[in-house]
Amino acid sequence: MGKEKTPFLITVFRFYRDGFRSMTIGRTLWAIILIKLFIMFAIIRVFFFPDFLKTKTDSDQDKSEYVGNELIQRNNTNN
């Protein structure tokens, strides 16, 4: 009798599972990467990219009108 063929996704999952289990320094590197990603997306975003439209308008309709007017004005000044 022949060997049964294992589905591809299960093979890939087992490959990564066994690889991560046998890591030593790799776990530390992954921890550093995840901490850096958290800092970039959670902390820096709050301080450097505030919600600009919330300070200018109140409703979604006002936001769309503001953005439309800004795009038209900037296009007219560039031409």
C-alpha atoms as a PDB file:
ATOM      1  CA  MET A   1       0.000   0.000   0.000  1.00  0.00           C
ATOM      2  CA  GLY A   2       1.169   3.496  -0.842  1.00  0.00           C
ATOM      3  CA  LYS A   3       1.709   6.371   1.478  1.00  0.00           C
ATOM      4  CA  GLU A   4      -1.213   8.749   1.781  1.00  0.00           C
ATOM      5  CA  LYS A   5      -0.477  12.233   0.467  1.00  0.00           C
ATOM      6  CA  THR A   6      -0.780  14.950   3.126  1.00  0.00           C
ATOM      7  CA  PRO A   7      -2.630  18.107   2.002  1.00  0.00           C
ATOM      8  CA  PHE A   8      -0.391  21.048   1.154  1.00  0.00           C
ATOM      9  CA  LEU A   9      -1.748  23.428   3.801  1.00  0.00           C
ATOM     10  CA  ILE A  10      -1.202  20.875   6.557  1.00  0.00           C
ATOM     11  CA  THR A  11       2.361  20.340   5.362  1.00  0.00           C
ATOM     12  CA  VAL A  12       3.029  24.098   5.389  1.00  0.00           C
ATOM     13  CA  PHE A  13       1.448  24.470   8.836  1.00  0.00           C
ATOM     14  CA  ARG A  14       3.573  21.651  10.269  1.00  0.00           C
ATOM     15  CA  PHE A  15       6.708  23.130   8.692  1.00  0.00           C
ATOM     16  CA  TYR A  16       6.202  26.513  10.393  1.00  0.00           C
ATOM     17  CA  ARG A  17       4.988  24.969  13.666  1.00  0.00           C
ATOM     18  CA  ASP A  18       8.086  22.795  13.966  1.00  0.00           C
ATOM     19  CA  GLY A  19      10.327  25.662  12.917  1.00  0.00           C
ATOM     20  CA  PHE A  20       8.977  28.016  15.563  1.00  0.00           C
ATOM     21  CA  ARG A  21       9.184  25.325  18.243  1.00  0.00           C
ATOM     22  CA  SER A  22      12.875  24.754  17.590  1.00  0.00           C
ATOM     23  CA  MET A  23      13.808  28.452  17.570  1.00  0.00           C
ATOM     24  CA  THR A  24      16.117  29.862  20.205  1.00  0.00           C
ATOM     25  CA  ILE A  25      17.329  33.339  19.227  1.00  0.00           C
ATOM     26  CA  GLY A  26      14.544  33.647  16.668  1.00  0.00           C
ATOM     27  CA  ARG A  27      11.951  34.049  19.406  1.00  0.00           C
ATOM     28  CA  THR A  28      13.805  37.060  20.741  1.00  0.00           C
ATOM     29  CA  LEU A  29      14.017  38.557  17.266  1.00  0.00           C
ATOM     30  CA  TRP A  30      10.290  38.003  16.669  1.00  0.00           C
ATOM     31  CA  ALA A  31       9.528  39.641  20.010  1.00  0.00           C
ATOM     32  CA  ILE A  32      11.596  42.678  19.012  1.00  0.00           C
ATOM     33  CA  ILE A  33       9.832  42.858  15.634  1.00  0.00           C
ATOM     34  CA  LEU A  34       6.387  42.687  17.236  1.00  0.00           C
ATOM     35  CA  ILE A  35       7.276  45.351  19.812  1.00  0.00           C
ATOM     36  CA  LYS A  36       8.544  47.655  17.068  1.00  0.00           C
ATOM     37  CA  LEU A  37       5.392  47.133  15.007  1.00  0.00           C
ATOM     38  CA  PHE A  38       3.258  47.924  18.033  1.00  0.00           C
ATOM     39  CA  ILE A  39       5.214  51.126  18.642  1.00  0.00           C
ATOM     40  CA  MET A  40       4.962  52.181  15.006  1.00  0.00           C
ATOM     41  CA  PHE A  41       1.256  51.553  14.544  1.00  0.00           C
ATOM     42  CA  ALA A  42      -0.212  52.216  17.974  1.00  0.00           C
ATOM     43  CA  ILE A  43       1.890  54.857  19.667  1.00  0.00           C
ATOM     44  CA  ILE A  44       3.445  56.938  16.883  1.00  0.00           C
ATOM     45  CA  ARG A  45       0.162  57.066  14.959  1.00  0.00           C
ATOM     46  CA  VAL A  46      -1.600  58.721  17.892  1.00  0.00           C
ATOM     47  CA  PHE A  47       0.983  61.492  18.261  1.00  0.00           C
ATOM     48  CA  PHE A  48       1.971  62.206  14.649  1.00  0.00           C
ATOM     49  CA  PHE A  49      -1.223  61.471  12.722  1.00  0.00           C
ATOM     50  CA  PRO A  50      -4.183  63.011  14.550  1.00  0.00           C
ATOM     51  CA  ASP A  51      -7.671  62.875  13.054  1.00  0.00           C
ATOM     52  CA  PHE A  52      -7.484  66.141  11.120  1.00  0.00           C
ATOM     53  CA  LEU A  53     -11.002  65.984   9.712  1.00  0.00           C
ATOM     54  CA  LYS A  54     -12.537  65.575  13.160  1.00  0.00           C
ATOM     55  CA  THR A  55     -11.150  68.995  14.115  1.00  0.00           C
ATOM     56  CA  LYS A  56     -12.540  70.631  10.950  1.00  0.00           C
ATOM     57  CA  THR A  57     -16.007  69.074  10.665  1.00  0.00           C
ATOM     58  CA  ASP A  58     -18.671  67.231  12.608  1.00  0.00           C
ATOM     59  CA  SER A  59     -20.592  64.962  10.240  1.00  0.00           C
ATOM     60  CA  ASP A  60     -19.640  62.629   7.412  1.00  0.00           C
ATOM     61  CA  GLN A  61     -21.386  64.908   4.914  1.00  0.00           C
ATOM     62  CA  ASP A  62     -19.288  67.874   6.062  1.00  0.00           C
ATOM     63  CA  LYS A  63     -16.133  65.779   5.815  1.00  0.00           C
ATOM     64  CA  SER A  64     -16.847  64.755   2.238  1.00  0.00           C
ATOM     65  CA  GLU A  65     -17.615  68.358   1.250  1.00  0.00           C
ATOM     66  CA  TYR A  66     -14.437  69.616   2.940  1.00  0.00           C
ATOM     67  CA  VAL A  67     -12.258  67.043   1.182  1.00  0.00           C
ATOM     68  CA  GLY A  68     -13.926  67.739  -2.167  1.00  0.00           C
ATOM     69  CA  ASN A  69     -13.439  71.490  -1.813  1.00  0.00           C
ATOM     70  CA  GLU A  70      -9.796  71.053  -0.798  1.00  0.00           C
ATOM     71  CA  LEU A  71      -9.091  68.834  -3.808  1.00  0.00           C
ATOM     72  CA  ILE A  72     -10.726  71.319  -6.172  1.00  0.00           C
ATOM     73  CA  GLN A  73      -8.853  74.281  -4.655  1.00  0.00           C
ATOM     74  CA  ARG A  74      -5.500  72.501  -4.777  1.00  0.00           C
ATOM     75  CA  ASN A  75      -6.084  71.419  -8.367  1.00  0.00           C
ATOM     76  CA  ASN A  76      -6.940  74.992  -9.386  1.00  0.00           C
ATOM     77  CA  THR A  77      -3.820  76.419  -7.707  1.00  0.00           C
ATOM     78  CA  ASN A  78      -1.560  73.869  -9.434  1.00  0.00           C
ATOM     79  CA  ASN A  79      -2.851  74.705 -12.920  1.00  0.00           C
END
